[in-house]
C-alpha atoms as a PDB file:
ATOM      1  CA  MET A   1       2.411  -5.853  16.517  1.00  0.00           C
ATOM      2  CA  ALA A   2       6.356  -5.321  16.327  1.00  0.00           C
ATOM      3  CA  PRO A   3       7.368  -1.954  16.823  1.00  0.00           C
ATOM      4  CA  MET A   4       8.487  -0.001  13.400  1.00  0.00           C
ATOM      5  CA  GLU A   5      12.117  -0.740  14.277  1.00  0.00           C
ATOM      6  CA  GLU A   6      11.549  -4.478  14.003  1.00  0.00           C
ATOM      7  CA  MET A   7       9.746  -3.987  10.579  1.00  0.00           C
ATOM      8  CA  GLY A   8      12.925  -2.652   8.722  1.00  0.00           C
ATOM      9  CA  GLY A   9      12.916   1.185   9.418  1.00  0.00           C
ATOM     10  CA  GLY A  10      10.939   3.647  10.691  1.00  0.00           C
ATOM     11  CA  HIS A  11       9.320   7.084  10.850  1.00  0.00           C
ATOM     12  CA  TRP A  12      11.370   9.777   8.617  1.00  0.00           C
ATOM     13  CA  HIS A  13       9.924  12.310  11.024  1.00  0.00           C
ATOM     14  CA  ASP A  14      11.039  10.754  14.019  1.00  0.00           C
ATOM     15  CA  ARG A  15      12.634  13.741  16.140  1.00  0.00           C
ATOM     16  CA  GLU A  16      15.139  10.912  17.702  1.00  0.00           C
ATOM     17  CA  ARG A  17      16.353  10.067  14.337  1.00  0.00           C
ATOM     18  CA  GLY A  18      16.520  13.793  13.171  1.00  0.00           C
ATOM     19  CA  GLY A  19      13.268  14.450  12.001  1.00  0.00           C
ATOM     20  CA  THR A  20      11.856  18.068  12.352  1.00  0.00           C
ATOM     21  CA  VAL A  21       8.368  19.998  12.216  1.00  0.00           C
ATOM     22  CA  ALA A  22       9.305  20.431   8.351  1.00  0.00           C
ATOM     23  CA  ALA A  23       9.738  16.841   7.813  1.00  0.00           C
ATOM     24  CA  ILE A  24       6.308  15.948   9.377  1.00  0.00           C
ATOM     25  CA  LEU A  25       4.771  18.885   7.547  1.00  0.00           C
ATOM     26  CA  VAL A  26       6.368  16.900   4.041  1.00  0.00           C
ATOM     27  CA  ALA A  27       4.895  13.883   5.237  1.00  0.00           C
ATOM     28  CA  ALA A  28       1.224  15.043   5.786  1.00  0.00           C
ATOM     29  CA  LEU A  29       1.147  17.292   2.796  1.00  0.00           C
ATOM     30  CA  SER A  30       2.386  14.382   0.685  1.00  0.00           C
ATOM     31  CA  ALA A  31      -0.386  12.095   2.176  1.00  0.00           C
ATOM     32  CA  ALA A  32      -3.154  14.785   1.560  1.00  0.00           C
ATOM     33  CA  VAL A  33      -2.080  15.529  -2.016  1.00  0.00           C
ATOM     34  CA  ALA A  34      -1.478  11.923  -2.877  1.00  0.00           C
ATOM     35  CA  VAL A  35      -4.802  11.053  -1.428  1.00  0.00           C
ATOM     36  CA  PHE A  36      -6.631  13.813  -3.206  1.00  0.00           C
ATOM     37  CA  ILE A  37      -5.247  12.884  -6.558  1.00  0.00           C
ATOM     38  CA  LEU A  38      -6.032   9.296  -5.906  1.00  0.00           C
ATOM     39  CA  HIS A  39      -9.487  10.181  -4.807  1.00  0.00           C
ATOM     40  CA  ARG A  40     -10.485  12.056  -7.688  1.00  0.00           C
ATOM     41  CA  ILE A  41      -9.061   9.456 -10.270  1.00  0.00           C
ATOM     42  CA  ALA A  42     -11.207   6.606  -8.553  1.00  0.00           C
ATOM     43  CA  ALA A  43     -14.202   8.631  -8.333  1.00  0.00           C
ATOM     44  CA  GLY A  44     -14.164   9.281 -12.082  1.00  0.00           C
ATOM     45  CA  SER A  45     -13.410   5.013 -12.550  1.00  0.00           C
ATOM     46  CA  GLY A  46     -17.141   4.078 -10.723  1.00  0.00           C
ATOM     47  CA  MET A  47     -14.967   1.985  -8.599  1.00  0.00           C
ATOM     48  CA  ALA A  48     -14.197   4.405  -5.830  1.00  0.00           C
ATOM     49  CA  LEU A  49     -13.765   1.799  -3.208  1.00  0.00           C
ATOM     50  CA  ALA A  50     -10.889   0.343  -5.150  1.00  0.00           C
ATOM     51  CA  ALA A  51      -9.046   3.290  -4.092  1.00  0.00           C
ATOM     52  CA  PHE A  52      -9.006   2.211  -0.266  1.00  0.00           C
ATOM     53  CA  PRO A  53      -6.163  -0.158  -0.324  1.00  0.00           C
ATOM     54  CA  PHE A  54      -3.923   2.407  -1.943  1.00  0.00           C
ATOM     55  CA  ILE A  55      -5.253   5.113   0.226  1.00  0.00           C
ATOM     56  CA  THR A  56      -4.060   2.949   3.357  1.00  0.00           C
ATOM     57  CA  THR A  57      -0.674   2.435   1.280  1.00  0.00           C
ATOM     58  CA  LEU A  58      -0.102   6.525   0.615  1.00  0.00           C
ATOM     59  CA  VAL A  59      -0.617   6.852   4.566  1.00  0.00           C
ATOM     60  CA  LEU A  60       1.832   4.208   5.258  1.00  0.00           C
ATOM     61  CA  VAL A  61       4.353   5.403   2.662  1.00  0.00           C
ATOM     62  CA  CYS A  62       4.249   9.145   3.628  1.00  0.00           C
ATOM     63  CA  GLY A  63       4.344   8.192   7.255  1.00  0.00           C
ATOM     64  CA  ALA A  64       6.933   5.500   7.305  1.00  0.00           C
ATOM     65  CA  PRO A  65       8.642   5.352   4.047  1.00  0.00           C
ATOM     66  CA  GLY A  66      11.647   3.571   5.359  1.00  0.00           C
ATOM     67  CA  SER A  67       9.723   0.711   6.858  1.00  0.00           C
ATOM     68  CA  ALA A  68       9.884  -2.941   5.376  1.00  0.00           C
ATOM     69  CA  PRO A  69       5.776  -2.461   4.356  1.00  0.00           C
ATOM     70  CA  ALA A  70       6.640   0.621   2.790  1.00  0.00           C
ATOM     71  CA  GLY A  71       9.386  -0.894   0.440  1.00  0.00           C
ATOM     72  CA  THR A  72       8.820  -1.287  -3.258  1.00  0.00           C
ATOM     73  CA  ARG A  73       8.742  -5.415  -3.091  1.00  0.00           C
ATOM     74  CA  ALA A  74       6.048  -4.974  -0.465  1.00  0.00           C
ATOM     75  CA  ILE A  75       3.747  -2.520  -2.037  1.00  0.00           C
ATOM     76  CA  LEU A  76       3.867  -4.110  -5.660  1.00  0.00           C
ATOM     77  CA  GLY A  77       4.219  -7.742  -4.392  1.00  0.00           C
ATOM     78  CA  GLY A  78       1.458  -7.303  -1.660  1.00  0.00           C
ATOM     79  CA  HIS A  79      -0.886  -5.640  -4.102  1.00  0.00           C
ATOM     80  CA  LEU A  80      -0.466  -7.999  -6.901  1.00  0.00           C
ATOM     81  CA  ILE A  81      -0.555 -11.355  -4.737  1.00  0.00           C
ATOM     82  CA  CYS A  82      -3.726 -10.099  -3.222  1.00  0.00           C
ATOM     83  CA  GLY A  83      -5.180  -9.345  -6.709  1.00  0.00           C
ATOM     84  CA  VAL A  84      -4.164 -12.500  -8.070  1.00  0.00           C
ATOM     85  CA  VAL A  85      -5.353 -14.166  -5.105  1.00  0.00           C
ATOM     86  CA  ALA A  86      -8.670 -12.605  -5.126  1.00  0.00           C
ATOM     87  CA  LEU A  87      -9.578 -12.745  -8.728  1.00  0.00           C
ATOM     88  CA  GLY A  88      -8.437 -16.426  -8.560  1.00  0.00           C
ATOM     89  CA  GLY A  89     -10.544 -17.321  -5.885  1.00  0.00           C
ATOM     90  CA  LEU A  90     -13.543 -15.447  -7.640  1.00  0.00           C
ATOM     91  CA  ALA A  91     -12.953 -17.219 -10.743  1.00  0.00           C
ATOM     92  CA  LEU A  92     -13.068 -20.904  -8.774  1.00  0.00           C
ATOM     93  CA  PHE A  93     -15.758 -20.283  -6.248  1.00  0.00           C
ATOM     94  CA  PRO A  94     -18.853 -18.193  -6.014  1.00  0.00           C
ATOM     95  CA  PRO A  95     -18.507 -15.054  -3.843  1.00  0.00           C
ATOM     96  CA  SER A  96     -19.217 -15.417  -0.348  1.00  0.00           C
ATOM     97  CA  ASP A  97     -17.808 -14.610   3.176  1.00  0.00           C
ATOM     98  CA  ILE A  98     -15.862 -17.997   3.451  1.00  0.00           C
ATOM     99  CA  GLU A  99     -14.454 -17.393  -0.142  1.00  0.00           C
ATOM    100  CA  THR A 100     -13.410 -13.748   0.940  1.00  0.00           C
ATOM    101  CA  ALA A 101     -11.975 -14.981   4.083  1.00  0.00           C
ATOM    102  CA  VAL A 102      -9.949 -17.756   2.581  1.00  0.00           C
ATOM    103  CA  ALA A 103      -8.509 -15.554  -0.257  1.00  0.00           C
ATOM    104  CA  VAL A 104      -7.401 -13.049   2.571  1.00  0.00           C
ATOM    105  CA  GLY A 105      -5.749 -15.706   4.483  1.00  0.00           C
ATOM    106  CA  LEU A 106      -4.267 -17.211   1.425  1.00  0.00           C
ATOM    107  CA  ALA A 107      -2.935 -13.694   0.600  1.00  0.00           C
ATOM    108  CA  VAL A 108      -1.321 -13.306   3.801  1.00  0.00           C
ATOM    109  CA  ALA A 109       0.321 -16.419   3.902  1.00  0.00           C
ATOM    110  CA  LEU A 110       1.769 -15.753   0.145  1.00  0.00           C
ATOM    111  CA  MET A 111       2.843 -12.070   1.122  1.00  0.00           C
ATOM    112  CA  LEU A 112       4.712 -13.452   4.545  1.00  0.00           C
ATOM    113  CA  ALA A 113       6.378 -16.369   2.162  1.00  0.00           C
ATOM    114  CA  THR A 114       7.535 -14.038  -0.372  1.00  0.00           C
ATOM    115  CA  ARG A 115       8.559 -10.996   1.867  1.00  0.00           C
ATOM    116  CA  CYS A 116       6.130  -8.996   0.237  1.00  0.00           C
ATOM    117  CA  PHE A 117       3.954  -8.251   3.417  1.00  0.00           C
ATOM    118  CA  HIS A 118       1.944  -5.255   2.838  1.00  0.00           C
ATOM    119  CA  PRO A 119      -1.034  -5.034   5.189  1.00  0.00           C
ATOM    120  CA  PRO A 120      -2.964  -2.394   3.203  1.00  0.00           C
ATOM    121  CA  ALA A 121      -3.298  -4.868   0.182  1.00  0.00           C
ATOM    122  CA  GLY A 122      -5.300  -7.489   2.356  1.00  0.00           C
ATOM    123  CA  ILE A 123      -8.510  -5.570   1.814  1.00  0.00           C
ATOM    124  CA  THR A 124      -8.233  -6.306  -2.226  1.00  0.00           C
ATOM    125  CA  PRO A 125     -10.333  -9.697  -1.777  1.00  0.00           C
ATOM    126  CA  LEU A 126     -13.224  -7.895  -0.271  1.00  0.00           C
ATOM    127  CA  ILE A 127     -13.357  -5.206  -2.784  1.00  0.00           C
ATOM    128  CA  VAL A 128     -13.141  -7.867  -5.391  1.00  0.00           C
ATOM    129  CA  ALA A 129     -16.009  -9.746  -3.667  1.00  0.00           C
ATOM    130  CA  GLN A 130     -18.154  -6.615  -4.056  1.00  0.00           C
ATOM    131  CA  PHE A 131     -17.287  -5.496  -7.206  1.00  0.00           C
ATOM    132  CA  ASN A 132     -16.649  -8.912  -9.309  1.00  0.00           C
ATOM    133  CA  PRO A 133     -14.213  -7.175 -11.918  1.00  0.00           C
ATOM    134  CA  GLY A 134     -12.303  -8.637 -14.492  1.00  0.00           C
ATOM    135  CA  TRP A 135      -8.721  -9.510 -14.955  1.00  0.00           C
ATOM    136  CA  ASP A 136      -8.079  -6.345 -16.043  1.00  0.00           C
ATOM    137  CA  PHE A 137      -8.684  -4.978 -12.364  1.00  0.00           C
ATOM    138  CA  LEU A 138      -4.877  -6.294 -11.822  1.00  0.00           C
ATOM    139  CA  ILE A 139      -3.838  -3.469 -14.375  1.00  0.00           C
ATOM    140  CA  TRP A 140      -6.203  -0.744 -13.002  1.00  0.00           C
ATOM    141  CA  PRO A 141      -6.230  -0.268 -10.101  1.00  0.00           C
ATOM    142  CA  VAL A 142      -3.911  -2.760  -8.447  1.00  0.00           C
ATOM    143  CA  LEU A 143      -0.592  -2.531 -10.781  1.00  0.00           C
ATOM    144  CA  THR A 144      -1.398   1.488 -11.629  1.00  0.00           C
ATOM    145  CA  GLY A 145      -1.914   2.375  -8.072  1.00  0.00           C
ATOM    146  CA  ALA A 146       0.964   0.004  -6.257  1.00  0.00           C
ATOM    147  CA  LEU A 147       3.525   1.631  -8.991  1.00  0.00           C
ATOM    148  CA  ALA A 148       2.435   5.286  -7.936  1.00  0.00           C
ATOM    149  CA  ALA A 149       2.528   4.720  -4.484  1.00  0.00           C
ATOM    150  CA  ALA A 150       5.877   2.584  -4.526  1.00  0.00           C
ATOM    151  CA  ALA A 151       7.253   5.869  -6.716  1.00  0.00           C
ATOM    152  CA  LEU A 152       5.969   8.281  -3.735  1.00  0.00           C
ATOM    153  CA  ALA A 153       7.769   5.896  -1.216  1.00  0.00           C
ATOM    154  CA  ARG A 154      11.015   6.216  -3.105  1.00  0.00           C
ATOM    155  CA  ALA A 155      10.775   9.936  -3.756  1.00  0.00           C
ATOM    156  CA  LEU A 156      10.082  10.123   0.098  1.00  0.00           C
ATOM    157  CA  GLU A 157      12.712   7.965   1.230  1.00  0.00           C
ATOM    158  CA  ARG A 158      15.324  10.015  -0.865  1.00  0.00           C
ATOM    159  CA  LEU A 159      14.198  13.041   0.592  1.00  0.00           C
ATOM    160  CA  ARG A 160      14.410  11.585   4.000  1.00  0.00           C
ATOM    161  CA  THR A 161      18.032  10.403   2.953  1.00  0.00           C
ATOM    162  CA  SER A 162      19.182  13.726   1.465  1.00  0.00           C
ATOM    163  CA  VAL A 163      17.543  15.438   4.781  1.00  0.00           C
ATOM    164  CA  LYS A 164      19.486  13.419   7.289  1.00  0.00           C
ATOM    165  CA  SER A 165      22.875  13.706   5.075  1.00  0.00           C
ATOM    166  CA  SER A 166      22.596  17.527   5.158  1.00  0.00           C
ATOM    167  CA  ALA A 167      21.972  17.560   8.739  1.00  0.00           C
ATOM    168  CA  ARG A 168      25.461  16.035   9.370  1.00  0.00           C
END
C-alpha cells in the first residue's frame, strides 16, 4: 500500500506537520460522534449493515481528511460508482458470490479510471447482494451518507488548514 503522502495528503494530526494532541482528540471525537449518529440513523432504517461503508469512510475522513481517498470527488464518486455497479449487477444477474465479486472488481476499475478511488465504498456490492434493495438505495443510504461524509471531511480539512495557518 502506498504511503499516505503518495495518496495526496496526510494525517492532519501528524506531529511532523504541526499536529497536536488537541488535533488528535478532535479527530477522535469527530469520528466517535459521527459514527454514533450514523449508527442511530442506520439502526432505525432496518438496514444497519448499510452503514458499514460510511463508518469506514468517517474513520478515514476524521483520521486523514487531506488524503485523496477522503476528498469530495473520491467519497461521492466512489460510493455512487459502487452503488450503481452493485445495483446494475443485481438487475442483470441473480445474486451470487461470482456476481458480487465481479461487481467489486468492476467498481474498483471504474473508481480508479475516474480518479474516484474510495476503498470504503468497495463493500457496497456485498451489502446490495445481502439486502437486494431497490434503486432508491442510491439516495438512502448511498448519496445521503456520501454527502454527509464529504461535508465532514471538508469541515475537518478547513479546521486543519486554519490550525496550521494560526500556528505559523
